[in-house]
């Protein structure tokens, strides 16, 4: 399951991606995504440290993506805010010495590796496409959905 901080970071970056290279204030992002501004500010600072966003002070300042959405993998966003996707922990390796336990632990590790590979390939651009597709679908009450 995704941690709340990971979901909120992705929401903020999707909002920035929707605005291209325009600067967006914390309050504008918070309002658009219904996120608490103080928490959002902390997430944006973490994302800035990871060089996923850039910031500018002043009246015309705010935040924007530091690179194009297609160059930002979801895994990098989750790592930046300390929220990598993890399967729930199973029993400790070799805990009961049964072959079945080892097989299930191996399966869990394979699933975790597959998730990590997918998150490294999935980009913010793909999520943005999905977001726009869902908005179109929902606004047309059941129209054609792509993606």
Protein backbone atom coordinates (compact mmCIF):
# COMPACT_ATOMS: atom_id res chain seq x y z
CA UNK A 1 0.00 0.00 0.00
CA UNK A 2 1.15 3.53 -0.68
CA UNK A 3 1.82 5.71 2.33
CA UNK A 4 -0.15 8.91 2.64
CA UNK A 5 2.95 11.04 2.08
CA UNK A 6 3.64 9.22 -1.19
CA UNK A 7 0.09 9.74 -2.43
CA UNK A 8 0.11 13.40 -1.46
CA UNK A 9 3.48 13.98 -3.13
CA UNK A 10 2.13 12.43 -6.33
CA UNK A 11 -0.99 14.61 -6.11
CA UNK A 12 1.15 17.73 -5.77
CA UNK A 13 3.39 16.77 -8.68
CA UNK A 14 0.39 15.96 -10.87
CA UNK A 15 -0.98 19.42 -10.12
CA UNK A 16 2.36 20.97 -11.09
CA UNK A 17 2.50 18.82 -14.24
CA UNK A 18 -0.93 20.10 -15.28
CA UNK A 19 0.45 23.65 -15.26
CA UNK A 20 3.58 22.97 -17.30
CA UNK A 21 6.35 25.46 -16.57
CA UNK A 22 4.11 27.94 -14.74
CA UNK A 23 4.95 28.61 -11.10
CA UNK A 24 2.30 27.44 -8.62
CA UNK A 25 2.00 28.61 -5.03
CA UNK A 26 1.66 26.19 -2.12
CA UNK A 27 -1.79 27.58 -1.40
CA UNK A 28 -2.93 27.07 -5.01
CA UNK A 29 -1.70 23.47 -5.03
CA UNK A 30 -3.19 22.81 -1.59
CA UNK A 31 -6.56 24.21 -2.63
CA UNK A 32 -6.67 22.37 -5.96
CA UNK A 33 -5.69 19.04 -4.40
CA UNK A 34 -7.46 19.53 -1.05
CA UNK A 35 -4.24 19.02 0.89
CA UNK A 36 -3.19 20.72 4.15
CA UNK A 37 -0.78 23.52 3.22
CA UNK A 38 1.74 22.97 6.08
CA UNK A 39 2.14 19.29 5.23
CA UNK A 40 2.32 20.09 1.51
CA UNK A 41 5.08 22.61 2.15
CA UNK A 42 7.14 19.92 3.91
CA UNK A 43 6.61 17.48 1.02
CA UNK A 44 7.61 20.13 -1.53
CA UNK A 45 10.80 20.81 0.41
CA UNK A 46 11.65 17.10 0.27
CA UNK A 47 10.87 17.04 -3.45
CA UNK A 48 13.06 20.10 -3.97
CA UNK A 49 15.96 18.44 -2.12
CA UNK A 50 15.53 15.46 -4.46
CA UNK A 51 15.62 17.90 -7.41
CA UNK A 52 12.15 16.92 -8.61
CA UNK A 53 10.80 20.46 -8.24
CA UNK A 54 12.35 23.90 -8.22
CA UNK A 55 11.18 26.88 -6.25
CA UNK A 56 11.24 30.63 -6.63
CA UNK A 57 10.48 33.26 -4.00
CA UNK A 58 8.36 36.32 -4.43
CA UNK A 59 4.96 37.33 -5.76
CA UNK A 60 5.41 35.43 -9.01
CA UNK A 61 7.14 32.55 -7.25
CA UNK A 62 6.12 29.12 -6.15
CA UNK A 63 7.01 25.64 -7.36
CA UNK A 64 7.23 23.87 -10.68
CA UNK A 65 8.64 20.59 -11.95
CA UNK A 66 12.39 20.65 -12.46
CA UNK A 67 12.13 18.37 -15.50
CA UNK A 68 9.45 17.06 -17.81
CA UNK A 69 6.82 14.67 -16.41
CA UNK A 70 8.04 11.86 -18.70
CA UNK A 71 11.45 12.10 -17.00
CA UNK A 72 10.09 11.63 -13.47
CA UNK A 73 9.58 8.01 -12.41
CA UNK A 74 7.04 7.34 -9.66
CA UNK A 75 9.66 5.37 -7.71
CA UNK A 76 11.85 8.46 -7.48
CA UNK A 77 8.95 10.51 -6.08
CA UNK A 78 8.13 7.89 -3.45
CA UNK A 79 11.79 7.57 -2.46
CA UNK A 80 12.13 11.35 -2.18
CA UNK A 81 9.44 11.55 0.50
CA UNK A 82 10.47 8.35 2.27
CA UNK A 83 7.43 6.39 1.16
CA UNK A 84 8.58 3.50 -1.06
CA UNK A 85 5.86 0.97 -1.79
CA UNK A 86 6.38 -2.15 0.31
CA UNK A 87 4.42 -5.34 0.59
CA UNK A 88 3.46 -6.22 4.14
CA UNK A 89 6.18 -8.04 6.01
CA UNK A 90 5.93 -11.80 6.25
CA UNK A 91 7.58 -14.05 8.79
CA UNK A 92 11.33 -13.73 9.21
CA UNK A 93 13.39 -15.82 6.80
CA UNK A 94 13.88 -19.37 7.99
CA UNK A 95 11.59 -18.72 10.93
CA UNK A 96 10.13 -22.25 10.98
CA UNK A 97 12.43 -24.14 8.59
CA UNK A 98 9.55 -25.29 6.39
CA UNK A 99 9.89 -25.40 2.62
CA UNK A 100 6.43 -23.82 2.27
CA UNK A 101 7.56 -20.80 4.28
CA UNK A 102 10.62 -20.39 2.07
CA UNK A 103 8.52 -20.63 -1.11
CA UNK A 104 6.07 -18.00 0.14
CA UNK A 105 8.89 -15.69 1.23
CA UNK A 106 10.50 -16.10 -2.18
CA UNK A 107 7.17 -15.28 -3.83
CA UNK A 108 6.86 -12.15 -1.68
CA UNK A 109 10.34 -11.03 -2.72
CA UNK A 110 9.55 -11.64 -6.40
CA UNK A 111 6.37 -9.57 -6.09
CA UNK A 112 8.28 -6.78 -4.35
CA UNK A 113 10.90 -6.78 -7.13
CA UNK A 114 8.16 -6.64 -9.80
CA UNK A 115 6.50 -3.69 -8.06
CA UNK A 116 9.81 -1.84 -7.81
CA UNK A 117 10.52 -2.42 -11.52
CA UNK A 118 7.06 -1.14 -12.46
CA UNK A 119 7.38 1.98 -10.30
CA UNK A 120 10.77 2.76 -11.88
CA UNK A 121 9.18 2.58 -15.35
CA UNK A 122 5.90 4.34 -14.54
CA UNK A 123 6.27 8.09 -15.06
CA UNK A 124 4.44 11.15 -13.91
CA UNK A 125 3.44 11.70 -17.56
CA UNK A 126 1.60 8.37 -17.61
CA UNK A 127 -0.25 9.28 -14.41
CA UNK A 128 -1.12 12.67 -15.90
CA UNK A 129 -2.55 10.96 -18.99
CA UNK A 130 -4.61 8.66 -16.77
CA UNK A 131 -5.79 11.63 -14.71
CA UNK A 132 -6.95 13.55 -17.77
CA UNK A 133 -8.62 10.43 -19.16
CA UNK A 134 -10.53 9.87 -15.91
CA UNK A 135 -11.58 13.52 -15.73
CA UNK A 136 -12.92 13.32 -19.28
CA UNK A 137 -14.69 10.03 -18.57
CA UNK A 138 -16.30 11.31 -15.37
CA UNK A 139 -17.34 14.62 -16.94
CA UNK A 140 -19.10 12.75 -19.76
CA UNK A 141 -20.77 10.31 -17.36
CA UNK A 142 -19.53 7.17 -18.96
CA UNK A 143 -18.01 8.33 -22.23
CA UNK A 144 -15.05 6.63 -23.86
CA UNK A 145 -12.10 6.08 -21.52
CA UNK A 146 -8.61 5.67 -22.94
CA UNK A 147 -5.62 4.16 -21.20
